[in-house]
């Protein structure tokens, strides 16, 4: 590759461990207008330690505004039996600016913190 030639790179997805897989997927779909792109259930644990304490059943759900070939997506990991993650042991959250998402959240009764 020459000195002037550049390669475009992008993040494909981020992984988020969640305490309630169904409720989190519903939020992404109904409030953020994302599509469920993939959902897979696993009966056995995973050797990848980044997925958290999962020596048993777990699931992965990918959500995004469009197909992951073109758009950024989030991968939601739910470890059955882990109802929550204590503050500081995982990702804390995202801040989004979307009047449509705020309207959706209010209409559906989701708690909001507006700044």
PDB file of N, CA and C in Angstrom:
ATOM      1  N   UNK A   1       0.856  -1.177   0.000  1.00  0.00           N
ATOM      2  CA  UNK A   1       0.000   0.000   0.000  1.00  0.00           C
ATOM      3  C   UNK A   1       0.897   1.233   0.000  1.00  0.00           C
ATOM      4  N   UNK A   2       0.632   2.176  -0.863  1.00  0.00           N
ATOM      5  CA  UNK A   2       1.413   3.394  -0.955  1.00  0.00           C
ATOM      6  C   UNK A   2       1.142   4.332   0.202  1.00  0.00           C
ATOM      7  N   UNK A   3       2.009   5.327   0.368  1.00  0.00           N
ATOM      8  CA  UNK A   3       1.903   6.267   1.485  1.00  0.00           C
ATOM      9  C   UNK A   3       0.617   7.086   1.426  1.00  0.00           C
ATOM     10  N   UNK A   4       0.075   7.338   0.246  1.00  0.00           N
ATOM     11  CA  UNK A   4      -1.125   8.160   0.119  1.00  0.00           C
ATOM     12  C   UNK A   4      -2.415   7.338   0.121  1.00  0.00           C
ATOM     13  N   UNK A   5      -2.263   6.028   0.000  1.00  0.00           N
ATOM     14  CA  UNK A   5      -3.438   5.159  -0.030  1.00  0.00           C
ATOM     15  C   UNK A   5      -3.936   4.914   1.395  1.00  0.00           C
ATOM     16  N   UNK A   6      -5.234   5.073   1.594  1.00  0.00           N
ATOM     17  CA  UNK A   6      -5.803   4.890   2.925  1.00  0.00           C
ATOM     18  C   UNK A   6      -6.840   3.769   2.884  1.00  0.00           C
ATOM     19  N   UNK A   7      -6.970   3.096   3.977  1.00  0.00           N
ATOM     20  CA  UNK A   7      -7.982   2.074   4.115  1.00  0.00           C
ATOM     21  C   UNK A   7      -9.018   2.562   5.121  1.00  0.00           C
ATOM     22  N   UNK A   8     -10.274   2.531   4.728  1.00  0.00           N
ATOM     23  CA  UNK A   8     -11.338   2.918   5.635  1.00  0.00           C
ATOM     24  C   UNK A   8     -11.654   1.754   6.565  1.00  0.00           C
ATOM     25  N   UNK A   9     -11.773   2.038   7.848  1.00  0.00           N
ATOM     26  CA  UNK A   9     -12.112   1.017   8.823  1.00  0.00           C
ATOM     27  C   UNK A   9     -13.235   1.541   9.696  1.00  0.00           C
ATOM     28  N   UNK A  10     -14.036   0.635  10.191  1.00  0.00           N
ATOM     29  CA  UNK A  10     -15.136   1.035  11.061  1.00  0.00           C
ATOM     30  C   UNK A  10     -15.360  -0.032  12.109  1.00  0.00           C
ATOM     31  N   UNK A  11     -15.942   0.380  13.209  1.00  0.00           N
ATOM     32  CA  UNK A  11     -16.341  -0.577  14.233  1.00  0.00           C
ATOM     33  C   UNK A  11     -17.537  -1.351  13.700  1.00  0.00           C
ATOM     34  N   UNK A  12     -17.519  -2.661  13.852  1.00  0.00           N
ATOM     35  CA  UNK A  12     -18.635  -3.477  13.387  1.00  0.00           C
ATOM     36  C   UNK A  12     -19.754  -3.516  14.415  1.00  0.00           C
ATOM     37  N   UNK A  13     -19.382  -3.723  15.691  1.00  0.00           N
ATOM     38  CA  UNK A  13     -20.367  -3.724  16.755  1.00  0.00           C
ATOM     39  C   UNK A  13     -19.659  -3.672  18.100  1.00  0.00           C
ATOM     40  N   UNK A  14     -20.410  -3.284  19.113  1.00  0.00           N
ATOM     41  CA  UNK A  14     -19.957  -3.349  20.489  1.00  0.00           C
ATOM     42  C   UNK A  14     -20.786  -4.404  21.199  1.00  0.00           C
ATOM     43  N   UNK A  15     -20.182  -5.043  22.192  1.00  0.00           N
ATOM     44  CA  UNK A  15     -20.869  -6.062  22.973  1.00  0.00           C
ATOM     45  C   UNK A  15     -21.264  -5.457  24.313  1.00  0.00           C
ATOM     46  N   UNK A  16     -22.528  -5.615  24.687  1.00  0.00           N
ATOM     47  CA  UNK A  16     -23.036  -5.143  25.966  1.00  0.00           C
ATOM     48  C   UNK A  16     -23.613  -6.324  26.732  1.00  0.00           C
ATOM     49  N   UNK A  17     -23.162  -6.533  27.963  1.00  0.00           N
ATOM     50  CA  UNK A  17     -23.776  -7.551  28.822  1.00  0.00           C
ATOM     51  C   UNK A  17     -24.983  -6.913  29.490  1.00  0.00           C
ATOM     52  N   UNK A  18     -26.125  -7.582  29.431  1.00  0.00           N
ATOM     53  CA  UNK A  18     -27.368  -7.013  29.946  1.00  0.00           C
ATOM     54  C   UNK A  18     -28.002  -7.961  30.950  1.00  0.00           C
ATOM     55  N   UNK A  19     -28.726  -7.395  31.902  1.00  0.00           N
ATOM     56  CA  UNK A  19     -29.360  -8.173  32.956  1.00  0.00           C
ATOM     57  C   UNK A  19     -30.739  -8.706  32.603  1.00  0.00           C
ATOM     58  N   UNK A  20     -31.334  -8.210  31.526  1.00  0.00           N
ATOM     59  CA  UNK A  20     -32.643  -8.679  31.078  1.00  0.00           C
ATOM     60  C   UNK A  20     -32.646  -8.617  29.554  1.00  0.00           C
ATOM     61  N   UNK A  21     -32.386  -9.747  28.922  1.00  0.00           N
ATOM     62  CA  UNK A  21     -32.254  -9.788  27.467  1.00  0.00           C
ATOM     63  C   UNK A  21     -33.501  -9.361  26.732  1.00  0.00           C
ATOM     64  N   UNK A  22     -34.648  -9.818  27.170  1.00  0.00           N
ATOM     65  CA  UNK A  22     -35.904  -9.510  26.496  1.00  0.00           C
ATOM     66  C   UNK A  22     -36.256  -8.024  26.618  1.00  0.00           C
ATOM     67  N   UNK A  23     -36.161  -7.495  27.837  1.00  0.00           N
ATOM     68  CA  UNK A  23     -36.503  -6.083  28.062  1.00  0.00           C
ATOM     69  C   UNK A  23     -35.540  -5.159  27.305  1.00  0.00           C
ATOM     70  N   UNK A  24     -34.260  -5.504  27.285  1.00  0.00           N
ATOM     71  CA  UNK A  24     -33.269  -4.678  26.588  1.00  0.00           C
ATOM     72  C   UNK A  24     -33.510  -4.699  25.086  1.00  0.00           C
ATOM     73  N   UNK A  25     -33.803  -5.876  24.520  1.00  0.00           N
ATOM     74  CA  UNK A  25     -34.088  -5.965  23.086  1.00  0.00           C
ATOM     75  C   UNK A  25     -35.355  -5.182  22.747  1.00  0.00           C
ATOM     76  N   UNK A  26     -36.358  -5.259  23.613  1.00  0.00           N
ATOM     77  CA  UNK A  26     -37.594  -4.499  23.405  1.00  0.00           C
ATOM     78  C   UNK A  26     -37.316  -3.002  23.391  1.00  0.00           C
ATOM     79  N   UNK A  27     -36.482  -2.525  24.317  1.00  0.00           N
ATOM     80  CA  UNK A  27     -36.121  -1.106  24.361  1.00  0.00           C
ATOM     81  C   UNK A  27     -35.451  -0.678  23.054  1.00  0.00           C
ATOM     82  N   UNK A  28     -34.475  -1.444  22.608  1.00  0.00           N
ATOM     83  CA  UNK A  28     -33.772  -1.088  21.374  1.00  0.00           C
ATOM     84  C   UNK A  28     -34.723  -1.076  20.178  1.00  0.00           C
ATOM     85  N   UNK A  29     -35.659  -2.021  20.153  1.00  0.00           N
ATOM     86  CA  UNK A  29     -36.606  -2.100  19.043  1.00  0.00           C
ATOM     87  C   UNK A  29     -37.665  -0.999  19.119  1.00  0.00           C
ATOM     88  N   UNK A  30     -38.323  -0.855  20.279  1.00  0.00           N
ATOM     89  CA  UNK A  30     -39.488   0.022  20.374  1.00  0.00           C
ATOM     90  C   UNK A  30     -39.140   1.482  20.637  1.00  0.00           C
ATOM     91  N   UNK A  31     -38.066   1.751  21.355  1.00  0.00           N
ATOM     92  CA  UNK A  31     -37.698   3.134  21.665  1.00  0.00           C
ATOM     93  C   UNK A  31     -36.693   3.675  20.654  1.00  0.00           C
ATOM     94  N   UNK A  32     -35.657   2.897  20.360  1.00  0.00           N
ATOM     95  CA  UNK A  32     -34.605   3.378  19.469  1.00  0.00           C
ATOM     96  C   UNK A  32     -34.861   3.045  18.002  1.00  0.00           C
ATOM     97  N   UNK A  33     -35.964   2.353  17.709  1.00  0.00           N
ATOM     98  CA  UNK A  33     -36.348   1.974  16.337  1.00  0.00           C
ATOM     99  C   UNK A  33     -35.302   1.102  15.640  1.00  0.00           C
ATOM    100  N   UNK A  34     -34.562   0.306  16.427  1.00  0.00           N
ATOM    101  CA  UNK A  34     -33.589  -0.615  15.845  1.00  0.00           C
ATOM    102  C   UNK A  34     -34.296  -1.923  15.478  1.00  0.00           C
ATOM    103  N   UNK A  35     -33.686  -2.641  14.579  1.00  0.00           N
ATOM    104  CA  UNK A  35     -34.215  -3.936  14.168  1.00  0.00           C
ATOM    105  C   UNK A  35     -33.426  -5.044  14.853  1.00  0.00           C
ATOM    106  N   UNK A  36     -34.096  -6.132  15.177  1.00  0.00           N
ATOM    107  CA  UNK A  36     -33.407  -7.316  15.688  1.00  0.00           C
ATOM    108  C   UNK A  36     -32.835  -8.010  14.454  1.00  0.00           C
ATOM    109  N   UNK A  37     -31.519  -8.046  14.361  1.00  0.00           N
ATOM    110  CA  UNK A  37     -30.854  -8.602  13.188  1.00  0.00           C
ATOM    111  C   UNK A  37     -30.493 -10.077  13.363  1.00  0.00           C
ATOM    112  N   UNK A  38     -30.305 -10.484  14.622  1.00  0.00           N
ATOM    113  CA  UNK A  38     -29.888 -11.849  14.906  1.00  0.00           C
ATOM    114  C   UNK A  38     -30.223 -12.153  16.354  1.00  0.00           C
ATOM    115  N   UNK A  39     -30.708 -13.333  16.613  1.00  0.00           N
ATOM    116  CA  UNK A  39     -30.891 -13.788  17.995  1.00  0.00           C
ATOM    117  C   UNK A  39     -30.513 -15.255  18.043  1.00  0.00           C
ATOM    118  N   UNK A  40     -29.597 -15.595  18.950  1.00  0.00           N
ATOM    119  CA  UNK A  40     -29.135 -16.970  19.087  1.00  0.00           C
ATOM    120  C   UNK A  40     -29.116 -17.348  20.554  1.00  0.00           C
ATOM    121  N   UNK A  41     -29.650 -18.522  20.859  1.00  0.00           N
ATOM    122  CA  UNK A  41     -29.639 -19.072  22.222  1.00  0.00           C
ATOM    123  C   UNK A  41     -28.554 -20.143  22.306  1.00  0.00           C
ATOM    124  N   UNK A  42     -27.804 -20.155  23.419  1.00  0.00           N
ATOM    125  CA  UNK A  42     -26.750 -21.130  23.643  1.00  0.00           C
ATOM    126  C   UNK A  42     -27.033 -21.872  24.939  1.00  0.00           C
ATOM    127  N   UNK A  43     -26.991 -23.174  24.905  1.00  0.00           N
ATOM    128  CA  UNK A  43     -27.276 -23.992  26.081  1.00  0.00           C
ATOM    129  C   UNK A  43     -26.052 -24.167  26.973  1.00  0.00           C
ATOM    130  N   UNK A  44     -24.854 -24.012  26.415  1.00  0.00           N
ATOM    131  CA  UNK A  44     -23.623 -24.218  27.169  1.00  0.00           C
ATOM    132  C   UNK A  44     -22.850 -22.916  27.267  1.00  0.00           C
ATOM    133  N   UNK A  45     -21.987 -22.858  28.272  1.00  0.00           N
ATOM    134  CA  UNK A  45     -21.145 -21.684  28.465  1.00  0.00           C
ATOM    135  C   UNK A  45     -20.198 -21.461  27.308  1.00  0.00           C
ATOM    136  N   UNK A  46     -19.535 -20.324  27.352  1.00  0.00           N
ATOM    137  CA  UNK A  46     -18.624 -19.912  26.295  1.00  0.00           C
ATOM    138  C   UNK A  46     -17.239 -19.725  26.893  1.00  0.00           C
ATOM    139  N   UNK A  47     -16.220 -20.119  26.169  1.00  0.00           N
ATOM    140  CA  UNK A  47     -14.855 -19.973  26.675  1.00  0.00           C
ATOM    141  C   UNK A  47     -14.351 -18.532  26.572  1.00  0.00           C
ATOM    142  N   UNK A  48     -15.039 -17.681  25.832  1.00  0.00           N
ATOM    143  CA  UNK A  48     -14.618 -16.280  25.689  1.00  0.00           C
ATOM    144  C   UNK A  48     -14.965 -15.531  26.971  1.00  0.00           C
ATOM    145  N   UNK A  49     -13.960 -15.150  27.737  1.00  0.00           N
ATOM    146  CA  UNK A  49     -14.200 -14.506  29.032  1.00  0.00           C
ATOM    147  C   UNK A  49     -14.838 -13.127  28.893  1.00  0.00           C
ATOM    148  N   UNK A  50     -14.738 -12.504  27.729  1.00  0.00           N
ATOM    149  CA  UNK A  50     -15.337 -11.175  27.550  1.00  0.00           C
ATOM    150  C   UNK A  50     -16.853 -11.218  27.652  1.00  0.00           C
ATOM    151  N   UNK A  51     -17.447 -12.376  27.512  1.00  0.00           N
ATOM    152  CA  UNK A  51     -18.902 -12.489  27.564  1.00  0.00           C
ATOM    153  C   UNK A  51     -19.425 -12.535  28.998  1.00  0.00           C
ATOM    154  N   UNK A  52     -18.525 -12.564  29.975  1.00  0.00           N
ATOM    155  CA  UNK A  52     -18.945 -12.516  31.370  1.00  0.00           C
ATOM    156  C   UNK A  52     -19.119 -13.893  31.970  1.00  0.00           C
ATOM    157  N   UNK A  53     -19.713 -13.938  33.171  1.00  0.00           N
ATOM    158  CA  UNK A  53     -19.859 -15.217  33.886  1.00  0.00           C
ATOM    159  C   UNK A  53     -20.934 -16.083  33.244  1.00  0.00           C
ATOM    160  N   UNK A  54     -20.547 -16.925  32.331  1.00  0.00           N
ATOM    161  CA  UNK A  54     -21.552 -17.691  31.596  1.00  0.00           C
ATOM    162  C   UNK A  54     -21.137 -19.156  31.494  1.00  0.00           C
ATOM    163  N   UNK A  55     -21.211 -19.851  32.605  1.00  0.00           N
ATOM    164  CA  UNK A  55     -20.913 -21.275  32.574  1.00  0.00           C
ATOM    165  C   UNK A  55     -22.159 -22.091  32.238  1.00  0.00           C
ATOM    166  N   UNK A  56     -23.215 -21.398  31.875  1.00  0.00           N
ATOM    167  CA  UNK A  56     -24.462 -22.071  31.514  1.00  0.00           C
ATOM    168  C   UNK A  56     -25.097 -21.400  30.321  1.00  0.00           C
ATOM    169  N   UNK A  57     -26.408 -21.426  30.277  1.00  0.00           N
ATOM    170  CA  UNK A  57     -27.182 -20.898  29.156  1.00  0.00           C
ATOM    171  C   UNK A  57     -26.993 -19.395  29.010  1.00  0.00           C
ATOM    172  N   UNK A  58     -26.879 -18.928  27.759  1.00  0.00           N
ATOM    173  CA  UNK A  58     -26.762 -17.507  27.460  1.00  0.00           C
ATOM    174  C   UNK A  58     -27.319 -17.245  26.069  1.00  0.00           C
ATOM    175  N   UNK A  59     -27.548 -15.974  25.760  1.00  0.00           N
ATOM    176  CA  UNK A  59     -28.044 -15.612  24.432  1.00  0.00           C
ATOM    177  C   UNK A  59     -27.305 -14.398  23.910  1.00  0.00           C
ATOM    178  N   UNK A  60     -27.372 -14.262  22.599  1.00  0.00           N
ATOM    179  CA  UNK A  60     -26.806 -13.075  21.955  1.00  0.00           C
ATOM    180  C   UNK A  60     -27.826 -12.551  20.977  1.00  0.00           C
ATOM    181  N   UNK A  61     -28.040 -11.234  21.033  1.00  0.00           N
ATOM    182  CA  UNK A  61     -28.977 -10.563  20.138  1.00  0.00           C
ATOM    183  C   UNK A  61     -28.261  -9.374  19.529  1.00  0.00           C
ATOM    184  N   UNK A  62     -28.261  -9.286  18.214  1.00  0.00           N
ATOM    185  CA  UNK A  62     -27.677  -8.115  17.551  1.00  0.00           C
ATOM    186  C   UNK A  62     -28.812  -7.225  17.078  1.00  0.00           C
ATOM    187  N   UNK A  63     -28.689  -5.933  17.384  1.00  0.00           N
ATOM    188  CA  UNK A  63     -29.685  -4.941  17.001  1.00  0.00           C
ATOM    189  C   UNK A  63     -28.988  -3.800  16.269  1.00  0.00           C
ATOM    190  N   UNK A  64     -29.686  -3.200  15.315  1.00  0.00           N
ATOM    191  CA  UNK A  64     -29.114  -2.079  14.576  1.00  0.00           C
ATOM    192  C   UNK A  64     -30.168  -1.349  13.783  1.00  0.00           C
ATOM    193  N   UNK A  65     -29.775  -0.211  13.243  1.00  0.00           N
ATOM    194  CA  UNK A  65     -30.682   0.581  12.411  1.00  0.00           C
ATOM    195  C   UNK A  65     -30.779   0.021  11.000  1.00  0.00           C
ATOM    196  N   UNK A  66     -29.790  -0.782  10.630  1.00  0.00           N
ATOM    197  CA  UNK A  66     -29.769  -1.406   9.313  1.00  0.00           C
ATOM    198  C   UNK A  66     -28.863  -2.618   9.369  1.00  0.00           C
ATOM    199  N   UNK A  67     -28.643  -3.277   8.225  1.00  0.00           N
ATOM    200  CA  UNK A  67     -27.827  -4.487   8.204  1.00  0.00           C
ATOM    201  C   UNK A  67     -26.394  -4.206   8.656  1.00  0.00           C
ATOM    202  N   UNK A  68     -25.798  -5.186   9.339  1.00  0.00           N
ATOM    203  CA  UNK A  68     -24.465  -4.952   9.888  1.00  0.00           C
ATOM    204  C   UNK A  68     -23.398  -4.845   8.818  1.00  0.00           C
ATOM    205  N   UNK A  69     -23.695  -5.213   7.579  1.00  0.00           N
ATOM    206  CA  UNK A  69     -22.729  -4.984   6.502  1.00  0.00           C
ATOM    207  C   UNK A  69     -22.538  -3.495   6.239  1.00  0.00           C
ATOM    208  N   UNK A  70     -23.560  -2.698   6.548  1.00  0.00           N
ATOM    209  CA  UNK A  70     -23.525  -1.273   6.247  1.00  0.00           C
ATOM    210  C   UNK A  70     -23.584  -0.380   7.479  1.00  0.00           C
ATOM    211  N   UNK A  71     -24.175  -0.861   8.570  1.00  0.00           N
ATOM    212  CA  UNK A  71     -24.437  -0.030   9.734  1.00  0.00           C
ATOM    213  C   UNK A  71     -23.790  -0.606  10.986  1.00  0.00           C
ATOM    214  N   UNK A  72     -23.593   0.256  11.953  1.00  0.00           N
ATOM    215  CA  UNK A  72     -23.110  -0.159  13.266  1.00  0.00           C
ATOM    216  C   UNK A  72     -24.223  -0.913  13.980  1.00  0.00           C
ATOM    217  N   UNK A  73     -23.877  -1.966  14.700  1.00  0.00           N
ATOM    218  CA  UNK A  73     -24.865  -2.704  15.476  1.00  0.00           C
ATOM    219  C   UNK A  73     -24.360  -2.916  16.898  1.00  0.00           C
ATOM    220  N   UNK A  74     -25.268  -3.227  17.783  1.00  0.00           N
ATOM    221  CA  UNK A  74     -24.929  -3.571  19.165  1.00  0.00           C
ATOM    222  C   UNK A  74     -25.240  -5.044  19.370  1.00  0.00           C
ATOM    223  N   UNK A  75     -24.355  -5.738  20.071  1.00  0.00           N
ATOM    224  CA  UNK A  75     -24.593  -7.131  20.415  1.00  0.00           C
ATOM    225  C   UNK A  75     -24.920  -7.190  21.896  1.00  0.00           C
ATOM    226  N   UNK A  76     -26.098  -7.680  22.223  1.00  0.00           N
ATOM    227  CA  UNK A  76     -26.576  -7.759  23.599  1.00  0.00           C
ATOM    228  C   UNK A  76     -26.383  -9.182  24.101  1.00  0.00           C
ATOM    229  N   UNK A  77     -25.546  -9.340  25.120  1.00  0.00           N
ATOM    230  CA  UNK A  77     -25.281 -10.657  25.696  1.00  0.00           C
ATOM    231  C   UNK A  77     -26.071 -10.779  26.990  1.00  0.00           C
ATOM    232  N   UNK A  78     -26.877 -11.814  27.078  1.00  0.00           N
ATOM    233  CA  UNK A  78     -27.628 -12.081  28.294  1.00  0.00           C
ATOM    234  C   UNK A  78     -27.199 -13.437  28.839  1.00  0.00           C
ATOM    235  N   UNK A  79     -26.634 -13.435  30.047  1.00  0.00           N
ATOM    236  CA  UNK A  79     -26.256 -14.650  30.744  1.00  0.00           C
ATOM    237  C   UNK A  79     -27.394 -15.023  31.685  1.00  0.00           C
ATOM    238  N   UNK A  80     -28.110 -16.104  31.384  1.00  0.00           N
ATOM    239  CA  UNK A  80     -29.235 -16.518  32.220  1.00  0.00           C
ATOM    240  C   UNK A  80     -28.759 -16.674  33.661  1.00  0.00           C
ATOM    241  N   UNK A  81     -29.557 -16.168  34.586  1.00  0.00           N
ATOM    242  CA  UNK A  81     -29.209 -16.242  36.000  1.00  0.00           C
ATOM    243  C   UNK A  81     -28.455 -15.032  36.507  1.00  0.00           C
ATOM    244  N   UNK A  82     -27.986 -14.149  35.608  1.00  0.00           N
ATOM    245  CA  UNK A  82     -27.326 -12.908  36.020  1.00  0.00           C
ATOM    246  C   UNK A  82     -28.332 -11.793  35.762  1.00  0.00           C
ATOM    247  N   UNK A  83     -29.010 -11.341  36.829  1.00  0.00           N
ATOM    248  CA  UNK A  83     -30.079 -10.364  36.674  1.00  0.00           C
ATOM    249  C   UNK A  83     -29.616  -8.931  36.545  1.00  0.00           C
ATOM    250  N   UNK A  84     -28.386  -8.657  36.943  1.00  0.00           N
ATOM    251  CA  UNK A  84     -27.856  -7.297  36.810  1.00  0.00           C
ATOM    252  C   UNK A  84     -26.343  -7.343  36.961  1.00  0.00           C
ATOM    253  N   UNK A  85     -25.727  -6.283  36.509  1.00  0.00           N
ATOM    254  CA  UNK A  85     -24.285  -6.108  36.664  1.00  0.00           C
ATOM    255  C   UNK A  85     -24.075  -4.899  37.558  1.00  0.00           C
ATOM    256  N   UNK A  86     -23.253  -5.055  38.568  1.00  0.00           N
ATOM    257  CA  UNK A  86     -23.037  -3.941  39.486  1.00  0.00           C
ATOM    258  C   UNK A  86     -22.280  -2.823  38.777  1.00  0.00           C
ATOM    259  N   UNK A  87     -22.546  -1.607  39.180  1.00  0.00           N
ATOM    260  CA  UNK A  87     -21.925  -0.433  38.596  1.00  0.00           C
ATOM    261  C   UNK A  87     -20.412  -0.576  38.642  1.00  0.00           C
ATOM    262  N   UNK A  88     -19.790  -0.438  37.516  1.00  0.00           N
ATOM    263  CA  UNK A  88     -18.343  -0.492  37.453  1.00  0.00           C
ATOM    264  C   UNK A  88     -17.785  -1.790  36.908  1.00  0.00           C
ATOM    265  N   UNK A  89     -18.602  -2.838  36.795  1.00  0.00           N
ATOM    266  CA  UNK A  89     -18.046  -4.073  36.264  1.00  0.00           C
ATOM    267  C   UNK A  89     -18.436  -4.304  34.807  1.00  0.00           C
ATOM    268  N   UNK A  90     -19.041  -3.316  34.182  1.00  0.00           N
ATOM    269  CA  UNK A  90     -19.351  -3.423  32.765  1.00  0.00           C
ATOM    270  C   UNK A  90     -19.634  -2.030  32.216  1.00  0.00           C
ATOM    271  N   UNK A  91     -19.967  -1.960  30.959  1.00  0.00           N
ATOM    272  CA  UNK A  91     -20.261  -0.713  30.278  1.00  0.00           C
ATOM    273  C   UNK A  91     -21.388   0.028  30.986  1.00  0.00           C
ATOM    274  N   UNK A  92     -21.259   1.328  31.144  1.00  0.00           N
ATOM    275  CA  UNK A  92     -22.242   2.097  31.902  1.00  0.00           C
ATOM    276  C   UNK A  92     -23.408   2.619  31.069  1.00  0.00           C
ATOM    277  N   UNK A  93     -23.220   2.822  29.791  1.00  0.00           N
ATOM    278  CA  UNK A  93     -24.349   3.269  28.987  1.00  0.00           C
ATOM    279  C   UNK A  93     -23.930   4.132  27.816  1.00  0.00           C
ATOM    280  N   UNK A  94     -24.907   4.541  27.053  1.00  0.00           N
ATOM    281  CA  UNK A  94     -24.728   5.423  25.912  1.00  0.00           C
ATOM    282  C   UNK A  94     -25.585   6.657  26.109  1.00  0.00           C
ATOM    283  N   UNK A  95     -25.147   7.751  25.561  1.00  0.00           N
ATOM    284  CA  UNK A  95     -25.969   8.949  25.536  1.00  0.00           C
ATOM    285  C   UNK A  95     -26.354   9.195  24.088  1.00  0.00           C
ATOM    286  N   UNK A  96     -27.640   9.282  23.838  1.00  0.00           N
ATOM    287  CA  UNK A  96     -28.146   9.506  22.493  1.00  0.00           C
ATOM    288  C   UNK A  96     -28.947  10.789  22.459  1.00  0.00           C
ATOM    289  N   UNK A  97     -28.890  11.465  21.331  1.00  0.00           N
ATOM    290  CA  UNK A  97     -29.702  12.654  21.148  1.00  0.00           C
ATOM    291  C   UNK A  97     -30.681  12.359  20.022  1.00  0.00           C
ATOM    292  N   UNK A  98     -31.930  12.102  20.396  1.00  0.00           N
ATOM    293  CA  UNK A  98     -32.939  11.763  19.407  1.00  0.00           C
ATOM    294  C   UNK A  98     -34.307  12.164  19.935  1.00  0.00           C
ATOM    295  N   UNK A  99     -34.921  13.141  19.300  1.00  0.00           N
ATOM    296  CA  UNK A  99     -36.256  13.552  19.736  1.00  0.00           C
ATOM    297  C   UNK A  99     -37.265  12.429  19.509  1.00  0.00           C
ATOM    298  N   UNK A 100     -37.071  11.615  18.462  1.00  0.00           N
ATOM    299  CA  UNK A 100     -37.985  10.499  18.206  1.00  0.00           C
ATOM    300  C   UNK A 100     -37.873   9.453  19.300  1.00  0.00           C
ATOM    301  N   UNK A 101     -36.643   9.136  19.753  1.00  0.00           N
ATOM    302  CA  UNK A 101     -36.466   8.156  20.826  1.00  0.00           C
ATOM    303  C   UNK A 101     -37.085   8.674  22.120  1.00  0.00           C
ATOM    304  N   UNK A 102     -36.936   9.960  22.410  1.00  0.00           N
ATOM    305  CA  UNK A 102     -37.541  10.542  23.616  1.00  0.00           C
ATOM    306  C   UNK A 102     -39.056  10.438  23.524  1.00  0.00           C
ATOM    307  N   UNK A 103     -39.609  10.752  22.372  1.00  0.00           N
ATOM    308  CA  UNK A 103     -41.061  10.652  22.172  1.00  0.00           C
ATOM    309  C   UNK A 103     -41.528   9.206  22.338  1.00  0.00           C
ATOM    310  N   UNK A 104     -40.785   8.258  21.755  1.00  0.00           N
ATOM    311  CA  UNK A 104     -41.131   6.843  21.888  1.00  0.00           C
ATOM    312  C   UNK A 104     -41.093   6.410  23.356  1.00  0.00           C
ATOM    313  N   UNK A 105     -40.038   6.802  24.071  1.00  0.00           N
ATOM    314  CA  UNK A 105     -39.879   6.422  25.479  1.00  0.00           C
ATOM    315  C   UNK A 105     -41.028   6.969  26.322  1.00  0.00           C
ATOM    316  N   UNK A 106     -41.387   8.219  26.108  1.00  0.00           N
ATOM    317  CA  UNK A 106     -42.494   8.821  26.862  1.00  0.00           C
ATOM    318  C   UNK A 106     -43.807   8.104  26.565  1.00  0.00           C
ATOM    319  N   UNK A 107     -44.061   7.837  25.297  1.00  0.00           N
ATOM    320  CA  UNK A 107     -45.303   7.183  24.878  1.00  0.00           C
ATOM    321  C   UNK A 107     -45.423   5.779  25.476  1.00  0.00           C
ATOM    322  N   UNK A 108     -44.277   5.078  25.603  1.00  0.00           N
ATOM    323  CA  UNK A 108     -44.282   3.704  26.099  1.00  0.00           C
ATOM    324  C   UNK A 108     -44.031   3.600  27.596  1.00  0.00           C
ATOM    325  N   UNK A 109     -43.824   4.752  28.279  1.00  0.00           N
ATOM    326  CA  UNK A 109     -43.659   4.744  29.739  1.00  0.00           C
ATOM    327  C   UNK A 109     -42.275   4.334  30.223  1.00  0.00           C
ATOM    328  N   UNK A 110     -41.247   4.458  29.397  1.00  0.00           N
ATOM    329  CA  UNK A 110     -39.879   4.165  29.840  1.00  0.00           C
ATOM    330  C   UNK A 110     -39.356   5.337  30.667  1.00  0.00           C
ATOM    331  N   UNK A 111     -38.587   5.079  31.721  1.00  0.00           N
ATOM    332  CA  UNK A 111     -38.042   6.178  32.521  1.00  0.00           C
ATOM    333  C   UNK A 111     -37.020   6.977  31.717  1.00  0.00           C
ATOM    334  N   UNK A 112     -37.057   8.294  31.894  1.00  0.00           N
ATOM    335  CA  UNK A 112     -36.152   9.194  31.172  1.00  0.00           C
ATOM    336  C   UNK A 112     -35.389  10.089  32.124  1.00  0.00           C
ATOM    337  N   UNK A 113     -34.172  10.415  31.734  1.00  0.00           N
ATOM    338  CA  UNK A 113     -33.413  11.467  32.394  1.00  0.00           C
ATOM    339  C   UNK A 113     -33.006  12.432  31.313  1.00  0.00           C
ATOM    340  N   UNK A 114     -33.669  13.566  31.264  1.00  0.00           N
ATOM    341  CA  UNK A 114     -33.357  14.558  30.239  1.00  0.00           C
ATOM    342  C   UNK A 114     -32.462  15.630  30.832  1.00  0.00           C
ATOM    343  N   UNK A 115     -31.451  16.012  30.045  1.00  0.00           N
ATOM    344  CA  UNK A 115     -30.520  17.064  30.491  1.00  0.00           C
ATOM    345  C   UNK A 115     -30.591  18.251  29.594  1.00  0.00           C
TER     346      UNK A 115
END
